[in-house]
Structures are given as C-alpha cells and as structure tokens.
N, C-alpha and C. Protein backbone atom coordinates (compact mmCIF):
# COMPACT_ATOMS: atom_id res chain seq x y z
N MET A 1 -33.03 0.89 -36.18
CA MET A 1 -33.04 -0.53 -36.50
C MET A 1 -32.03 -0.77 -37.63
N SER A 2 -31.26 -1.82 -37.49
CA SER A 2 -30.23 -2.15 -38.48
C SER A 2 -30.86 -2.71 -39.75
N ALA A 3 -30.21 -2.44 -40.86
CA ALA A 3 -30.70 -2.92 -42.15
C ALA A 3 -30.48 -4.42 -42.29
N VAL A 4 -31.48 -5.08 -42.83
CA VAL A 4 -31.39 -6.51 -43.13
C VAL A 4 -30.50 -6.68 -44.35
N ILE A 5 -29.60 -7.63 -44.27
CA ILE A 5 -28.70 -7.93 -45.39
C ILE A 5 -29.12 -9.27 -45.97
N PRO A 6 -29.72 -9.27 -47.17
CA PRO A 6 -30.17 -10.54 -47.76
C PRO A 6 -28.99 -11.47 -48.04
N GLY A 7 -29.23 -12.75 -47.87
CA GLY A 7 -28.21 -13.74 -48.16
C GLY A 7 -27.75 -14.48 -46.92
N ARG A 8 -26.72 -15.30 -47.13
CA ARG A 8 -26.17 -16.13 -46.05
C ARG A 8 -24.79 -15.61 -45.67
N PHE A 9 -24.59 -15.43 -44.36
CA PHE A 9 -23.33 -14.90 -43.86
C PHE A 9 -22.90 -15.71 -42.65
N THR A 10 -21.62 -15.59 -42.32
CA THR A 10 -21.07 -16.24 -41.15
C THR A 10 -20.19 -15.24 -40.42
N ALA A 11 -19.59 -15.68 -39.32
CA ALA A 11 -18.70 -14.83 -38.53
C ALA A 11 -17.27 -15.34 -38.66
N ASP A 12 -16.34 -14.45 -38.51
CA ASP A 12 -14.93 -14.82 -38.52
C ASP A 12 -14.56 -15.35 -37.14
N THR A 13 -14.31 -16.65 -37.04
CA THR A 13 -13.99 -17.26 -35.76
C THR A 13 -12.55 -17.78 -35.72
N GLN A 14 -11.71 -17.29 -36.59
CA GLN A 14 -10.34 -17.81 -36.69
C GLN A 14 -9.47 -17.50 -35.48
N GLN A 15 -9.82 -16.53 -34.68
CA GLN A 15 -9.00 -16.18 -33.52
C GLN A 15 -9.50 -16.78 -32.22
N GLY A 16 -10.65 -17.42 -32.23
CA GLY A 16 -11.26 -17.86 -30.97
C GLY A 16 -11.92 -16.68 -30.29
N VAL A 17 -12.72 -16.96 -29.30
CA VAL A 17 -13.48 -15.90 -28.65
C VAL A 17 -13.96 -16.39 -27.29
N VAL A 18 -14.19 -15.46 -26.39
CA VAL A 18 -14.83 -15.77 -25.11
C VAL A 18 -16.23 -15.20 -25.19
N VAL A 19 -17.21 -16.05 -24.93
CA VAL A 19 -18.60 -15.61 -24.89
C VAL A 19 -19.00 -15.54 -23.42
N PHE A 20 -19.45 -14.37 -23.03
CA PHE A 20 -19.84 -14.12 -21.64
C PHE A 20 -21.30 -13.72 -21.62
N LEU A 21 -22.12 -14.51 -20.95
CA LEU A 21 -23.54 -14.21 -20.79
C LEU A 21 -23.75 -13.73 -19.37
N ILE A 22 -24.48 -12.64 -19.23
CA ILE A 22 -24.79 -12.13 -17.90
C ILE A 22 -26.25 -11.69 -17.89
N GLY A 23 -26.92 -11.98 -16.79
CA GLY A 23 -28.33 -11.64 -16.72
C GLY A 23 -28.75 -11.15 -15.35
N MET A 24 -29.85 -10.43 -15.37
CA MET A 24 -30.48 -9.94 -14.16
C MET A 24 -31.96 -10.32 -14.22
N ARG A 25 -32.47 -10.88 -13.14
CA ARG A 25 -33.87 -11.28 -13.06
C ARG A 25 -34.50 -10.57 -11.87
N VAL A 26 -35.61 -9.89 -12.11
CA VAL A 26 -36.33 -9.22 -11.04
C VAL A 26 -37.26 -10.25 -10.39
N ASN A 27 -36.99 -10.56 -9.13
CA ASN A 27 -37.80 -11.54 -8.41
C ASN A 27 -38.92 -10.89 -7.60
N ARG A 28 -38.74 -9.62 -7.25
CA ARG A 28 -39.76 -8.85 -6.53
C ARG A 28 -39.94 -7.52 -7.26
N PHE A 29 -40.94 -7.49 -8.13
CA PHE A 29 -41.14 -6.33 -9.00
C PHE A 29 -41.25 -5.03 -8.22
N TRP A 30 -41.94 -5.03 -7.09
CA TRP A 30 -42.18 -3.79 -6.35
C TRP A 30 -40.95 -3.32 -5.59
N ALA A 31 -39.88 -4.07 -5.60
CA ALA A 31 -38.64 -3.66 -4.93
C ALA A 31 -37.81 -2.79 -5.89
N PHE A 32 -38.40 -1.70 -6.35
CA PHE A 32 -37.75 -0.82 -7.32
C PHE A 32 -36.36 -0.37 -6.86
N SER A 33 -36.24 -0.06 -5.56
CA SER A 33 -34.97 0.46 -5.04
C SER A 33 -33.85 -0.58 -5.11
N LYS A 34 -34.21 -1.81 -5.36
CA LYS A 34 -33.21 -2.88 -5.48
C LYS A 34 -32.84 -3.13 -6.93
N TRP A 35 -33.85 -3.30 -7.78
CA TRP A 35 -33.53 -3.75 -9.13
C TRP A 35 -33.19 -2.62 -10.11
N ILE A 36 -33.72 -1.44 -9.91
CA ILE A 36 -33.40 -0.34 -10.83
C ILE A 36 -31.91 0.03 -10.77
N PRO A 37 -31.31 0.19 -9.58
CA PRO A 37 -29.87 0.46 -9.56
C PRO A 37 -29.04 -0.69 -10.16
N THR A 38 -29.49 -1.90 -9.97
CA THR A 38 -28.78 -3.05 -10.54
C THR A 38 -28.83 -2.99 -12.06
N ALA A 39 -30.00 -2.70 -12.61
CA ALA A 39 -30.14 -2.60 -14.07
C ALA A 39 -29.32 -1.44 -14.62
N ARG A 40 -29.30 -0.33 -13.92
CA ARG A 40 -28.56 0.86 -14.38
C ARG A 40 -27.05 0.67 -14.34
N ALA A 41 -26.56 -0.27 -13.58
CA ALA A 41 -25.11 -0.45 -13.44
C ALA A 41 -24.46 -0.92 -14.74
N MET A 42 -25.20 -1.56 -15.62
CA MET A 42 -24.61 -2.10 -16.85
C MET A 42 -24.23 -0.99 -17.83
N GLY A 43 -24.99 0.07 -17.92
CA GLY A 43 -24.71 1.14 -18.88
C GLY A 43 -23.30 1.72 -18.76
N PRO A 44 -22.88 2.14 -17.57
CA PRO A 44 -21.52 2.67 -17.44
C PRO A 44 -20.44 1.65 -17.82
N MET A 45 -20.69 0.38 -17.52
CA MET A 45 -19.71 -0.65 -17.90
C MET A 45 -19.57 -0.72 -19.42
N LEU A 46 -20.69 -0.77 -20.12
CA LEU A 46 -20.65 -0.85 -21.58
C LEU A 46 -20.02 0.39 -22.19
N LYS A 47 -20.28 1.54 -21.59
CA LYS A 47 -19.70 2.79 -22.09
C LYS A 47 -18.17 2.73 -22.01
N VAL A 48 -17.64 2.30 -20.88
CA VAL A 48 -16.19 2.18 -20.72
C VAL A 48 -15.63 1.17 -21.72
N LEU A 49 -16.29 0.04 -21.87
CA LEU A 49 -15.81 -0.99 -22.79
C LEU A 49 -15.81 -0.50 -24.23
N ASP A 50 -16.82 0.26 -24.62
CA ASP A 50 -16.86 0.82 -25.97
C ASP A 50 -15.77 1.86 -26.19
N GLN A 51 -15.46 2.63 -25.15
CA GLN A 51 -14.46 3.70 -25.27
C GLN A 51 -13.03 3.17 -25.31
N PHE A 52 -12.80 1.99 -24.73
CA PHE A 52 -11.44 1.47 -24.61
C PHE A 52 -11.35 0.06 -25.18
N PRO A 53 -11.25 -0.07 -26.51
CA PRO A 53 -11.20 -1.39 -27.14
C PRO A 53 -10.03 -2.25 -26.66
N GLU A 54 -8.99 -1.63 -26.13
CA GLU A 54 -7.86 -2.41 -25.63
C GLU A 54 -8.23 -3.28 -24.42
N LYS A 55 -9.41 -3.04 -23.84
CA LYS A 55 -9.87 -3.87 -22.73
C LYS A 55 -10.34 -5.25 -23.21
N GLY A 56 -10.42 -5.46 -24.53
CA GLY A 56 -10.71 -6.78 -25.07
C GLY A 56 -12.16 -7.07 -25.35
N PHE A 57 -13.04 -6.13 -25.11
CA PHE A 57 -14.47 -6.31 -25.38
C PHE A 57 -14.70 -6.16 -26.88
N LEU A 58 -15.34 -7.16 -27.49
CA LEU A 58 -15.57 -7.13 -28.94
C LEU A 58 -16.96 -6.66 -29.33
N GLY A 59 -17.94 -6.85 -28.46
CA GLY A 59 -19.31 -6.44 -28.79
C GLY A 59 -20.31 -7.20 -27.95
N GLN A 60 -21.60 -6.86 -28.15
CA GLN A 60 -22.65 -7.47 -27.34
C GLN A 60 -24.00 -7.39 -28.02
N GLU A 61 -24.88 -8.23 -27.56
CA GLU A 61 -26.31 -8.18 -27.90
C GLU A 61 -27.06 -8.29 -26.58
N SER A 62 -28.17 -7.58 -26.46
CA SER A 62 -28.95 -7.67 -25.23
C SER A 62 -30.37 -8.09 -25.54
N PHE A 63 -30.97 -8.75 -24.56
CA PHE A 63 -32.32 -9.31 -24.72
C PHE A 63 -33.12 -9.01 -23.46
N PHE A 64 -34.41 -8.85 -23.63
CA PHE A 64 -35.30 -8.43 -22.57
C PHE A 64 -36.53 -9.34 -22.56
N ARG A 65 -36.92 -9.78 -21.38
CA ARG A 65 -38.16 -10.54 -21.23
C ARG A 65 -39.02 -9.82 -20.19
N LEU A 66 -40.29 -9.71 -20.48
CA LEU A 66 -41.19 -8.96 -19.62
C LEU A 66 -41.63 -9.72 -18.38
N PHE A 67 -41.92 -11.02 -18.53
CA PHE A 67 -42.39 -11.76 -17.36
C PHE A 67 -41.74 -13.12 -17.28
N PRO A 68 -40.98 -13.42 -16.23
CA PRO A 68 -40.55 -12.44 -15.24
C PRO A 68 -39.57 -11.46 -15.87
N LEU A 69 -39.52 -10.26 -15.32
CA LEU A 69 -38.66 -9.22 -15.86
C LEU A 69 -37.21 -9.70 -15.80
N GLU A 70 -36.60 -9.79 -16.99
CA GLU A 70 -35.23 -10.29 -17.06
C GLU A 70 -34.51 -9.63 -18.22
N ILE A 71 -33.25 -9.32 -18.00
CA ILE A 71 -32.37 -8.77 -19.03
C ILE A 71 -31.18 -9.70 -19.17
N VAL A 72 -30.83 -10.02 -20.40
CA VAL A 72 -29.68 -10.87 -20.66
C VAL A 72 -28.77 -10.16 -21.65
N LEU A 73 -27.50 -10.16 -21.36
CA LEU A 73 -26.49 -9.58 -22.24
C LEU A 73 -25.56 -10.70 -22.68
N VAL A 74 -25.41 -10.85 -23.98
CA VAL A 74 -24.44 -11.78 -24.55
C VAL A 74 -23.29 -10.93 -25.04
N SER A 75 -22.11 -11.15 -24.48
CA SER A 75 -20.96 -10.34 -24.89
C SER A 75 -19.84 -11.23 -25.40
N TYR A 76 -19.01 -10.62 -26.21
CA TYR A 76 -17.90 -11.31 -26.86
C TYR A 76 -16.60 -10.61 -26.47
N TRP A 77 -15.60 -11.41 -26.09
CA TRP A 77 -14.33 -10.89 -25.59
C TRP A 77 -13.17 -11.54 -26.33
N ARG A 78 -12.07 -10.82 -26.42
CA ARG A 78 -10.86 -11.32 -27.06
C ARG A 78 -10.27 -12.50 -26.29
N SER A 79 -10.33 -12.45 -24.95
CA SER A 79 -9.77 -13.53 -24.13
C SER A 79 -10.40 -13.51 -22.74
N PHE A 80 -10.24 -14.62 -22.03
CA PHE A 80 -10.71 -14.67 -20.65
C PHE A 80 -9.92 -13.69 -19.78
N GLU A 81 -8.64 -13.54 -20.09
CA GLU A 81 -7.80 -12.62 -19.33
C GLU A 81 -8.34 -11.18 -19.41
N HIS A 82 -8.78 -10.77 -20.60
CA HIS A 82 -9.38 -9.43 -20.74
C HIS A 82 -10.64 -9.30 -19.89
N LEU A 83 -11.50 -10.30 -19.95
CA LEU A 83 -12.74 -10.29 -19.18
C LEU A 83 -12.45 -10.22 -17.68
N GLU A 84 -11.55 -11.07 -17.23
CA GLU A 84 -11.21 -11.11 -15.81
C GLU A 84 -10.58 -9.80 -15.33
N GLN A 85 -9.72 -9.24 -16.15
CA GLN A 85 -9.08 -7.97 -15.80
C GLN A 85 -10.13 -6.87 -15.64
N PHE A 86 -11.09 -6.83 -16.54
CA PHE A 86 -12.15 -5.83 -16.43
C PHE A 86 -12.97 -6.05 -15.15
N ALA A 87 -13.29 -7.29 -14.85
CA ALA A 87 -14.11 -7.59 -13.68
C ALA A 87 -13.42 -7.22 -12.37
N ARG A 88 -12.09 -7.35 -12.33
CA ARG A 88 -11.35 -7.17 -11.07
C ARG A 88 -10.69 -5.80 -10.92
N ASN A 89 -10.58 -5.05 -11.99
CA ASN A 89 -9.86 -3.79 -11.96
C ASN A 89 -10.63 -2.74 -11.16
N ARG A 90 -10.01 -2.20 -10.14
CA ARG A 90 -10.65 -1.19 -9.30
C ARG A 90 -10.97 0.11 -10.05
N ASP A 91 -10.29 0.34 -11.17
CA ASP A 91 -10.51 1.56 -11.96
C ASP A 91 -11.65 1.41 -12.97
N ASP A 92 -12.16 0.20 -13.13
CA ASP A 92 -13.29 -0.05 -14.03
C ASP A 92 -14.58 -0.16 -13.22
N PRO A 93 -15.73 0.09 -13.83
CA PRO A 93 -16.98 0.18 -13.07
C PRO A 93 -17.56 -1.14 -12.56
N HIS A 94 -17.07 -2.29 -13.02
CA HIS A 94 -17.69 -3.54 -12.60
C HIS A 94 -17.50 -3.84 -11.11
N LEU A 95 -16.30 -3.71 -10.63
CA LEU A 95 -16.02 -4.10 -9.24
C LEU A 95 -16.89 -3.33 -8.26
N GLN A 96 -17.03 -2.03 -8.46
CA GLN A 96 -17.87 -1.22 -7.57
C GLN A 96 -19.34 -1.64 -7.68
N ALA A 97 -19.80 -1.92 -8.90
CA ALA A 97 -21.20 -2.37 -9.07
C ALA A 97 -21.43 -3.70 -8.35
N TRP A 98 -20.46 -4.59 -8.42
CA TRP A 98 -20.58 -5.89 -7.75
C TRP A 98 -20.61 -5.71 -6.23
N GLN A 99 -19.76 -4.85 -5.72
CA GLN A 99 -19.74 -4.58 -4.28
C GLN A 99 -21.06 -3.94 -3.83
N ASN A 100 -21.59 -3.02 -4.64
CA ASN A 100 -22.88 -2.39 -4.32
C ASN A 100 -23.99 -3.43 -4.29
N PHE A 101 -23.99 -4.33 -5.26
CA PHE A 101 -25.01 -5.39 -5.29
C PHE A 101 -24.94 -6.22 -4.01
N ASN A 102 -23.76 -6.64 -3.65
CA ASN A 102 -23.61 -7.48 -2.45
C ASN A 102 -24.00 -6.74 -1.17
N ARG A 103 -23.70 -5.46 -1.11
CA ARG A 103 -24.03 -4.67 0.07
C ARG A 103 -25.54 -4.38 0.14
N ASN A 104 -26.17 -4.01 -0.99
CA ASN A 104 -27.56 -3.56 -0.99
C ASN A 104 -28.58 -4.67 -1.19
N ILE A 105 -28.17 -5.76 -1.79
CA ILE A 105 -29.11 -6.84 -2.09
C ILE A 105 -28.66 -8.16 -1.47
N GLY A 106 -27.41 -8.50 -1.72
CA GLY A 106 -26.88 -9.74 -1.15
C GLY A 106 -27.76 -10.92 -1.47
N ARG A 107 -28.24 -11.56 -0.42
CA ARG A 107 -29.05 -12.77 -0.59
C ARG A 107 -30.51 -12.55 -0.20
N ASP A 108 -31.00 -11.33 -0.32
CA ASP A 108 -32.38 -11.07 0.10
C ASP A 108 -33.43 -11.60 -0.88
N GLY A 109 -33.00 -12.02 -2.06
CA GLY A 109 -33.91 -12.65 -3.01
C GLY A 109 -34.66 -11.70 -3.93
N SER A 110 -34.49 -10.40 -3.78
CA SER A 110 -35.26 -9.45 -4.59
C SER A 110 -34.80 -9.42 -6.04
N VAL A 111 -33.51 -9.58 -6.27
CA VAL A 111 -32.94 -9.53 -7.60
C VAL A 111 -31.98 -10.70 -7.75
N GLY A 112 -32.10 -11.38 -8.87
CA GLY A 112 -31.15 -12.44 -9.17
C GLY A 112 -30.20 -11.99 -10.26
N ILE A 113 -28.95 -12.37 -10.14
CA ILE A 113 -27.99 -12.13 -11.22
C ILE A 113 -27.25 -13.43 -11.48
N TRP A 114 -26.80 -13.57 -12.70
CA TRP A 114 -26.08 -14.79 -13.08
C TRP A 114 -25.13 -14.47 -14.21
N HIS A 115 -24.16 -15.34 -14.39
CA HIS A 115 -23.32 -15.25 -15.58
C HIS A 115 -22.78 -16.63 -15.94
N GLU A 116 -22.44 -16.76 -17.21
CA GLU A 116 -21.81 -17.97 -17.74
C GLU A 116 -20.69 -17.51 -18.68
N THR A 117 -19.57 -18.23 -18.65
CA THR A 117 -18.42 -17.88 -19.48
C THR A 117 -18.03 -19.09 -20.31
N TYR A 118 -17.84 -18.88 -21.60
CA TYR A 118 -17.43 -19.94 -22.52
C TYR A 118 -16.20 -19.48 -23.28
N CYS A 119 -15.10 -20.22 -23.13
CA CYS A 119 -13.87 -19.95 -23.87
C CYS A 119 -13.86 -20.88 -25.08
N ILE A 120 -13.95 -20.29 -26.26
CA ILE A 120 -14.16 -21.08 -27.47
C ILE A 120 -12.96 -20.94 -28.40
N GLN A 121 -12.37 -22.08 -28.72
CA GLN A 121 -11.26 -22.12 -29.67
C GLN A 121 -11.81 -21.97 -31.09
N PRO A 122 -10.97 -21.56 -32.04
CA PRO A 122 -11.45 -21.29 -33.40
C PRO A 122 -12.23 -22.44 -34.03
N GLU A 123 -11.78 -23.65 -33.85
CA GLU A 123 -12.45 -24.79 -34.49
C GLU A 123 -13.67 -25.26 -33.72
N GLN A 124 -14.06 -24.54 -32.67
CA GLN A 124 -15.21 -24.93 -31.85
C GLN A 124 -16.38 -23.95 -31.97
N ALA A 125 -16.34 -23.08 -32.95
CA ALA A 125 -17.43 -22.12 -33.11
C ALA A 125 -17.80 -21.99 -34.57
N GLU A 126 -19.07 -21.84 -34.82
CA GLU A 126 -19.54 -21.53 -36.17
C GLU A 126 -20.82 -20.74 -36.02
N ALA A 127 -21.15 -20.00 -37.04
CA ALA A 127 -22.34 -19.16 -36.99
C ALA A 127 -22.92 -19.04 -38.39
N ILE A 128 -24.23 -18.87 -38.44
CA ILE A 128 -24.90 -18.62 -39.72
C ILE A 128 -25.96 -17.54 -39.49
N TYR A 129 -26.04 -16.63 -40.42
CA TYR A 129 -27.01 -15.53 -40.37
C TYR A 129 -27.62 -15.43 -41.76
N VAL A 130 -28.92 -15.64 -41.86
CA VAL A 130 -29.61 -15.60 -43.14
C VAL A 130 -30.64 -14.48 -43.09
N ASN A 131 -30.50 -13.53 -44.01
CA ASN A 131 -31.43 -12.40 -44.08
C ASN A 131 -31.55 -11.67 -42.74
N MET A 132 -30.41 -11.35 -42.17
CA MET A 132 -30.33 -10.70 -40.87
C MET A 132 -29.48 -9.45 -40.97
N PRO A 133 -29.68 -8.51 -40.05
CA PRO A 133 -28.70 -7.43 -39.92
C PRO A 133 -27.38 -8.03 -39.42
N ILE A 134 -26.32 -7.28 -39.45
CA ILE A 134 -25.07 -7.77 -38.85
C ILE A 134 -25.33 -7.91 -37.36
N PHE A 135 -25.09 -9.11 -36.83
CA PHE A 135 -25.58 -9.48 -35.51
C PHE A 135 -24.59 -10.38 -34.79
N GLY A 136 -24.62 -10.32 -33.47
CA GLY A 136 -23.93 -11.30 -32.63
C GLY A 136 -22.45 -11.41 -32.87
N LEU A 137 -21.99 -12.64 -33.03
CA LEU A 137 -20.57 -12.91 -33.22
C LEU A 137 -20.04 -12.25 -34.49
N ALA A 138 -20.86 -12.18 -35.53
CA ALA A 138 -20.43 -11.53 -36.78
C ALA A 138 -20.23 -10.03 -36.57
N LYS A 139 -21.03 -9.42 -35.73
CA LYS A 139 -20.86 -7.99 -35.42
C LYS A 139 -19.62 -7.78 -34.55
N ALA A 140 -19.34 -8.74 -33.68
CA ALA A 140 -18.19 -8.63 -32.77
C ALA A 140 -16.87 -8.96 -33.46
N THR A 141 -16.91 -9.75 -34.52
CA THR A 141 -15.67 -10.14 -35.20
C THR A 141 -15.69 -9.56 -36.61
N ALA A 142 -16.13 -10.36 -37.56
CA ALA A 142 -16.25 -9.90 -38.94
C ALA A 142 -17.39 -10.65 -39.62
N HIS A 143 -18.16 -9.95 -40.39
CA HIS A 143 -19.33 -10.47 -41.12
C HIS A 143 -18.85 -10.92 -42.49
N ARG A 144 -18.94 -12.23 -42.76
CA ARG A 144 -18.40 -12.78 -44.00
C ARG A 144 -19.49 -13.52 -44.78
N PRO A 145 -19.52 -13.38 -46.10
CA PRO A 145 -20.48 -14.17 -46.89
C PRO A 145 -20.13 -15.66 -46.82
N VAL A 146 -21.15 -16.48 -46.85
CA VAL A 146 -20.94 -17.93 -46.90
C VAL A 146 -20.75 -18.31 -48.36
N THR A 147 -19.58 -18.83 -48.65
CA THR A 147 -19.27 -19.23 -50.02
C THR A 147 -18.53 -20.56 -50.02
N GLY A 148 -18.65 -21.29 -51.11
CA GLY A 148 -17.88 -22.51 -51.35
C GLY A 148 -17.81 -23.43 -50.18
N PHE A 149 -16.60 -23.64 -49.71
CA PHE A 149 -16.31 -24.59 -48.65
C PHE A 149 -17.10 -24.33 -47.38
N LYS A 150 -17.43 -23.10 -47.08
CA LYS A 150 -18.09 -22.75 -45.82
C LYS A 150 -19.62 -22.89 -45.86
N GLU A 151 -20.15 -23.62 -46.84
CA GLU A 151 -21.60 -23.79 -47.00
C GLU A 151 -22.25 -24.58 -45.86
N THR A 152 -21.53 -25.47 -45.19
CA THR A 152 -22.13 -26.31 -44.15
C THR A 152 -21.55 -25.97 -42.78
N ALA A 153 -22.33 -26.26 -41.75
CA ALA A 153 -21.86 -26.03 -40.38
C ALA A 153 -20.57 -26.81 -40.11
N ARG A 154 -20.51 -28.05 -40.57
CA ARG A 154 -19.31 -28.88 -40.35
C ARG A 154 -18.09 -28.20 -40.97
N ASN A 155 -18.22 -27.69 -42.16
CA ASN A 155 -17.08 -27.05 -42.81
C ASN A 155 -16.75 -25.70 -42.18
N ARG A 156 -17.77 -24.97 -41.69
CA ARG A 156 -17.47 -23.71 -41.02
C ARG A 156 -16.70 -23.96 -39.73
N LEU A 157 -16.96 -25.10 -39.08
CA LEU A 157 -16.21 -25.45 -37.87
C LEU A 157 -14.77 -25.84 -38.17
N SER A 158 -14.54 -26.30 -39.37
CA SER A 158 -13.18 -26.65 -39.78
C SER A 158 -12.47 -25.39 -40.24
N GLN A 159 -11.27 -25.19 -39.75
CA GLN A 159 -10.52 -24.00 -40.11
C GLN A 159 -9.67 -24.22 -41.36
N THR A 160 -9.69 -25.44 -41.89
CA THR A 160 -8.95 -25.72 -43.12
C THR A 160 -9.89 -26.34 -44.13
N GLU A 161 -9.57 -26.18 -45.38
CA GLU A 161 -10.40 -26.74 -46.44
C GLU A 161 -9.92 -28.14 -46.77
N ALA A 162 -10.47 -29.13 -46.04
CA ALA A 162 -10.09 -30.53 -46.26
C ALA A 162 -10.93 -31.13 -47.38
N VAL A 163 -10.38 -32.10 -48.07
CA VAL A 163 -11.08 -32.80 -49.14
C VAL A 163 -11.77 -34.01 -48.53
N ASP A 164 -13.05 -34.21 -48.85
CA ASP A 164 -13.81 -35.34 -48.33
C ASP A 164 -13.58 -36.53 -49.26
N ASP A 165 -12.70 -37.46 -48.84
CA ASP A 165 -12.38 -38.64 -49.66
C ASP A 165 -13.45 -39.70 -49.62
N SER A 166 -14.44 -39.60 -48.74
CA SER A 166 -15.47 -40.63 -48.62
C SER A 166 -16.44 -40.62 -49.80
N LEU A 167 -16.40 -39.57 -50.62
CA LEU A 167 -17.31 -39.50 -51.74
C LEU A 167 -16.78 -40.20 -52.98
N GLY A 168 -15.61 -40.75 -52.89
CA GLY A 168 -15.08 -41.52 -54.02
C GLY A 168 -14.05 -40.86 -54.72
C-alpha cells in the first residue's frame, strides 16, 4: 500500500494528456471460460507498456466491483496517436486479445467490454489530491504541491497566472 502524503497536491497537466478508460463486465458469472481469459488479457498489455515507455503510456489506476463483477482501468497516455498505435500494432498484445475476444465471445452476451477516450488539452484538466498517496494523473505525470496561484480549481485550469481585476 502506498504511503499517504499529508497536504494538498495537484498534477502537472501542462502537456495535455489522453485519458483512456476501459472496462470488462461479467454478465454470466458461470461462464468462466469466457471471462477469465478476457480478464487475463490485460496483464500482458500492461507489462509491455511498462517495459517500453516510448509507447506513450504514462500510467494507470484500476478499480474492481464485486456485483456485478466489473474491472475498470483508467489509463493516461501521452497522445491519441500513441494509444492508437498500441491498439493496432500487430507486435503488441492488444490486437491479438481483441481478435480472441471477437472470436470466442463476440456478441454472445457473456462478457461486456467498453472503452472511452478523452483527449485533454492542458487548460482543460485539473486535479486535487488531499491526504492521498501519489495517485491517478499525478502519478502518471508529476505530483506537485498546491501553492499560491494554484489554490483553486479555476486557477489550476489556467496555465498562466492572470491577475483578477474584478476585485478592485
């Protein structure tokens, strides 16, 4: 378990980031031969991504729900191009896993999979972590203390330190 870091921190969002969410939902629990291989397919993908940072993968957090059985992975990427290249490259494990899913499960309803992709420009992302381990976007980019100008969400979204003239 990661150590809790007391205080307020944010993530470095100055370069922009792609947030990719992917999930698997078990719709028929007793169909072990369908969902176990699907769940196991993610490990080799993450191993390759960790071994080769040039593929553009910045980091991930995973979440698990017991009922219905569901796994969600939130991942952070340098660009959409990096994500797409990994998904389509025959030498990377994703394409084969996707083909196996379509061949072995297809539309039989036993296992559901989904993904969402968000391409976020620097001024469109902000994060706050209070009394947390290094987590999420801060773990994928850089963990920074919240100081001065970056005290509010509005200012964290701003990439420049503007003066608020409305206060007089």
